[in-house]
Amino acid sequence: MSNSFGLLKILSVVFKVLAFLVFALMGAGLVGALVGRDPSGPLPVPLLLNMVFSGVLAFLMLFAFGEVIRLLLAIESQTRKE
């Protein structure tokens, strides 16, 4: 019974890995936007804020979805124990 719902366990881990990948890509995008900008021009604050907030929001949504799947699997396994 320990191997039940193996695909959902894998899917939970995949969502968490995707969350950290999105977070890393957000950081790389921020560094790229700061390094690649014109030094004589103004700092693109709206672009940077948009990247940060959308990256953090996507990270939280993906990570939370992975945790919800894990939580539902834990609840299901506890209700089946005798």
C-alpha atoms as a PDB file:
ATOM      1  CA  MET A   1       0.000   0.000   0.000  1.00  0.00           C
ATOM      2  CA  SER A   2       3.017   2.273   0.315  1.00  0.00           C
ATOM      3  CA  ASN A   3       3.270   2.632  -3.474  1.00  0.00           C
ATOM      4  CA  SER A   4      -0.275   3.911  -3.938  1.00  0.00           C
ATOM      5  CA  PHE A   5      -0.643   7.185  -5.783  1.00  0.00           C
ATOM      6  CA  GLY A   6       2.971   7.149  -6.927  1.00  0.00           C
ATOM      7  CA  LEU A   7       2.224   9.371  -9.902  1.00  0.00           C
ATOM      8  CA  LEU A   8       0.704  12.039  -7.682  1.00  0.00           C
ATOM      9  CA  LYS A   9       3.754  11.974  -5.426  1.00  0.00           C
ATOM     10  CA  ILE A  10       5.984  12.470  -8.450  1.00  0.00           C
ATOM     11  CA  LEU A  11       3.719  15.255  -9.717  1.00  0.00           C
ATOM     12  CA  SER A  12       3.998  17.017  -6.364  1.00  0.00           C
ATOM     13  CA  VAL A  13       7.791  16.944  -6.593  1.00  0.00           C
ATOM     14  CA  VAL A  14       7.668  18.134 -10.218  1.00  0.00           C
ATOM     15  CA  PHE A  15       5.593  21.166  -9.217  1.00  0.00           C
ATOM     16  CA  LYS A  16       8.062  22.035  -6.462  1.00  0.00           C
ATOM     17  CA  VAL A  17      11.034  21.694  -8.824  1.00  0.00           C
ATOM     18  CA  LEU A  18       9.256  23.893 -11.367  1.00  0.00           C
ATOM     19  CA  ALA A  19       8.643  26.461  -8.639  1.00  0.00           C
ATOM     20  CA  PHE A  20      12.334  26.701  -7.838  1.00  0.00           C
ATOM     21  CA  LEU A  21      13.186  26.767 -11.547  1.00  0.00           C
ATOM     22  CA  VAL A  22      10.825  29.719 -12.042  1.00  0.00           C
ATOM     23  CA  PHE A  23      12.430  31.474  -9.068  1.00  0.00           C
ATOM     24  CA  ALA A  24      15.929  30.921 -10.476  1.00  0.00           C
ATOM     25  CA  LEU A  25      14.861  32.157 -13.907  1.00  0.00           C
ATOM     26  CA  MET A  26      13.363  35.243 -12.314  1.00  0.00           C
ATOM     27  CA  GLY A  27      16.696  35.966 -10.631  1.00  0.00           C
ATOM     28  CA  ALA A  28      18.578  35.430 -13.890  1.00  0.00           C
ATOM     29  CA  GLY A  29      16.134  37.727 -15.678  1.00  0.00           C
ATOM     30  CA  LEU A  30      16.632  40.436 -13.078  1.00  0.00           C
ATOM     31  CA  VAL A  31      20.399  40.222 -13.380  1.00  0.00           C
ATOM     32  CA  GLY A  32      20.139  40.231 -17.173  1.00  0.00           C
ATOM     33  CA  ALA A  33      17.857  43.255 -17.172  1.00  0.00           C
ATOM     34  CA  LEU A  34      20.185  45.180 -14.884  1.00  0.00           C
ATOM     35  CA  VAL A  35      23.364  44.231 -16.741  1.00  0.00           C
ATOM     36  CA  GLY A  36      21.919  44.734 -20.220  1.00  0.00           C
ATOM     37  CA  ARG A  37      20.366  48.135 -19.674  1.00  0.00           C
ATOM     38  CA  ASP A  38      21.736  51.369 -21.061  1.00  0.00           C
ATOM     39  CA  PRO A  39      23.938  52.948 -18.354  1.00  0.00           C
ATOM     40  CA  SER A  40      23.024  56.472 -19.401  1.00  0.00           C
ATOM     41  CA  GLY A  41      19.285  55.746 -19.325  1.00  0.00           C
ATOM     42  CA  PRO A  42      16.985  55.571 -16.343  1.00  0.00           C
ATOM     43  CA  LEU A  43      16.555  52.440 -14.253  1.00  0.00           C
ATOM     44  CA  PRO A  44      13.562  50.429 -15.574  1.00  0.00           C
ATOM     45  CA  VAL A  45      11.768  50.197 -12.225  1.00  0.00           C
ATOM     46  CA  PRO A  46       8.360  49.061 -13.584  1.00  0.00           C
ATOM     47  CA  LEU A  47      10.032  46.251 -15.515  1.00  0.00           C
ATOM     48  CA  LEU A  48      12.001  45.108 -12.480  1.00  0.00           C
ATOM     49  CA  LEU A  49       8.993  45.243 -10.163  1.00  0.00           C
ATOM     50  CA  ASN A  50       6.887  43.313 -12.681  1.00  0.00           C
ATOM     51  CA  MET A  51       9.551  40.618 -12.934  1.00  0.00           C
ATOM     52  CA  VAL A  52       9.884  40.317  -9.161  1.00  0.00           C
ATOM     53  CA  PHE A  53       6.167  40.204  -8.354  1.00  0.00           C
ATOM     54  CA  SER A  54       5.248  37.847 -11.194  1.00  0.00           C
ATOM     55  CA  GLY A  55       8.179  35.561 -10.398  1.00  0.00           C
ATOM     56  CA  VAL A  56       7.368  35.415  -6.695  1.00  0.00           C
ATOM     57  CA  LEU A  57       3.671  34.880  -7.434  1.00  0.00           C
ATOM     58  CA  ALA A  58       4.401  32.051  -9.868  1.00  0.00           C
ATOM     59  CA  PHE A  59       6.799  30.491  -7.358  1.00  0.00           C
ATOM     60  CA  LEU A  60       4.227  30.610  -4.579  1.00  0.00           C
ATOM     61  CA  MET A  61       1.441  29.219  -6.759  1.00  0.00           C
ATOM     62  CA  LEU A  62       3.484  26.283  -8.058  1.00  0.00           C
ATOM     63  CA  PHE A  63       4.942  25.461  -4.662  1.00  0.00           C
ATOM     64  CA  ALA A  64       1.554  25.705  -2.965  1.00  0.00           C
ATOM     65  CA  PHE A  65      -0.025  23.440  -5.565  1.00  0.00           C
ATOM     66  CA  GLY A  66       2.674  20.838  -4.935  1.00  0.00           C
ATOM     67  CA  GLU A  67       2.083  21.117  -1.192  1.00  0.00           C
ATOM     68  CA  VAL A  68      -1.689  20.782  -1.612  1.00  0.00           C
ATOM     69  CA  ILE A  69      -1.196  17.552  -3.538  1.00  0.00           C
ATOM     70  CA  ARG A  70       1.144  16.254  -0.830  1.00  0.00           C
ATOM     71  CA  LEU A  71      -1.289  17.283   1.904  1.00  0.00           C
ATOM     72  CA  LEU A  72      -4.217  15.550   0.213  1.00  0.00           C
ATOM     73  CA  LEU A  73      -2.138  12.401  -0.188  1.00  0.00           C
ATOM     74  CA  ALA A  74      -1.231  12.491   3.510  1.00  0.00           C
ATOM     75  CA  ILE A  75      -4.867  12.924   4.494  1.00  0.00           C
ATOM     76  CA  GLU A  76      -5.868  10.049   2.231  1.00  0.00           C
ATOM     77  CA  SER A  77      -3.212   7.757   3.662  1.00  0.00           C
ATOM     78  CA  GLN A  78      -4.248   8.590   7.239  1.00  0.00           C
ATOM     79  CA  THR A  79      -7.923   7.872   6.563  1.00  0.00           C
ATOM     80  CA  ARG A  80      -7.138   4.431   5.123  1.00  0.00           C
ATOM     81  CA  LYS A  81      -5.117   3.255   8.134  1.00  0.00           C
ATOM     82  CA  GLU A  82      -6.903   0.888  10.477  1.00  0.00           C
END
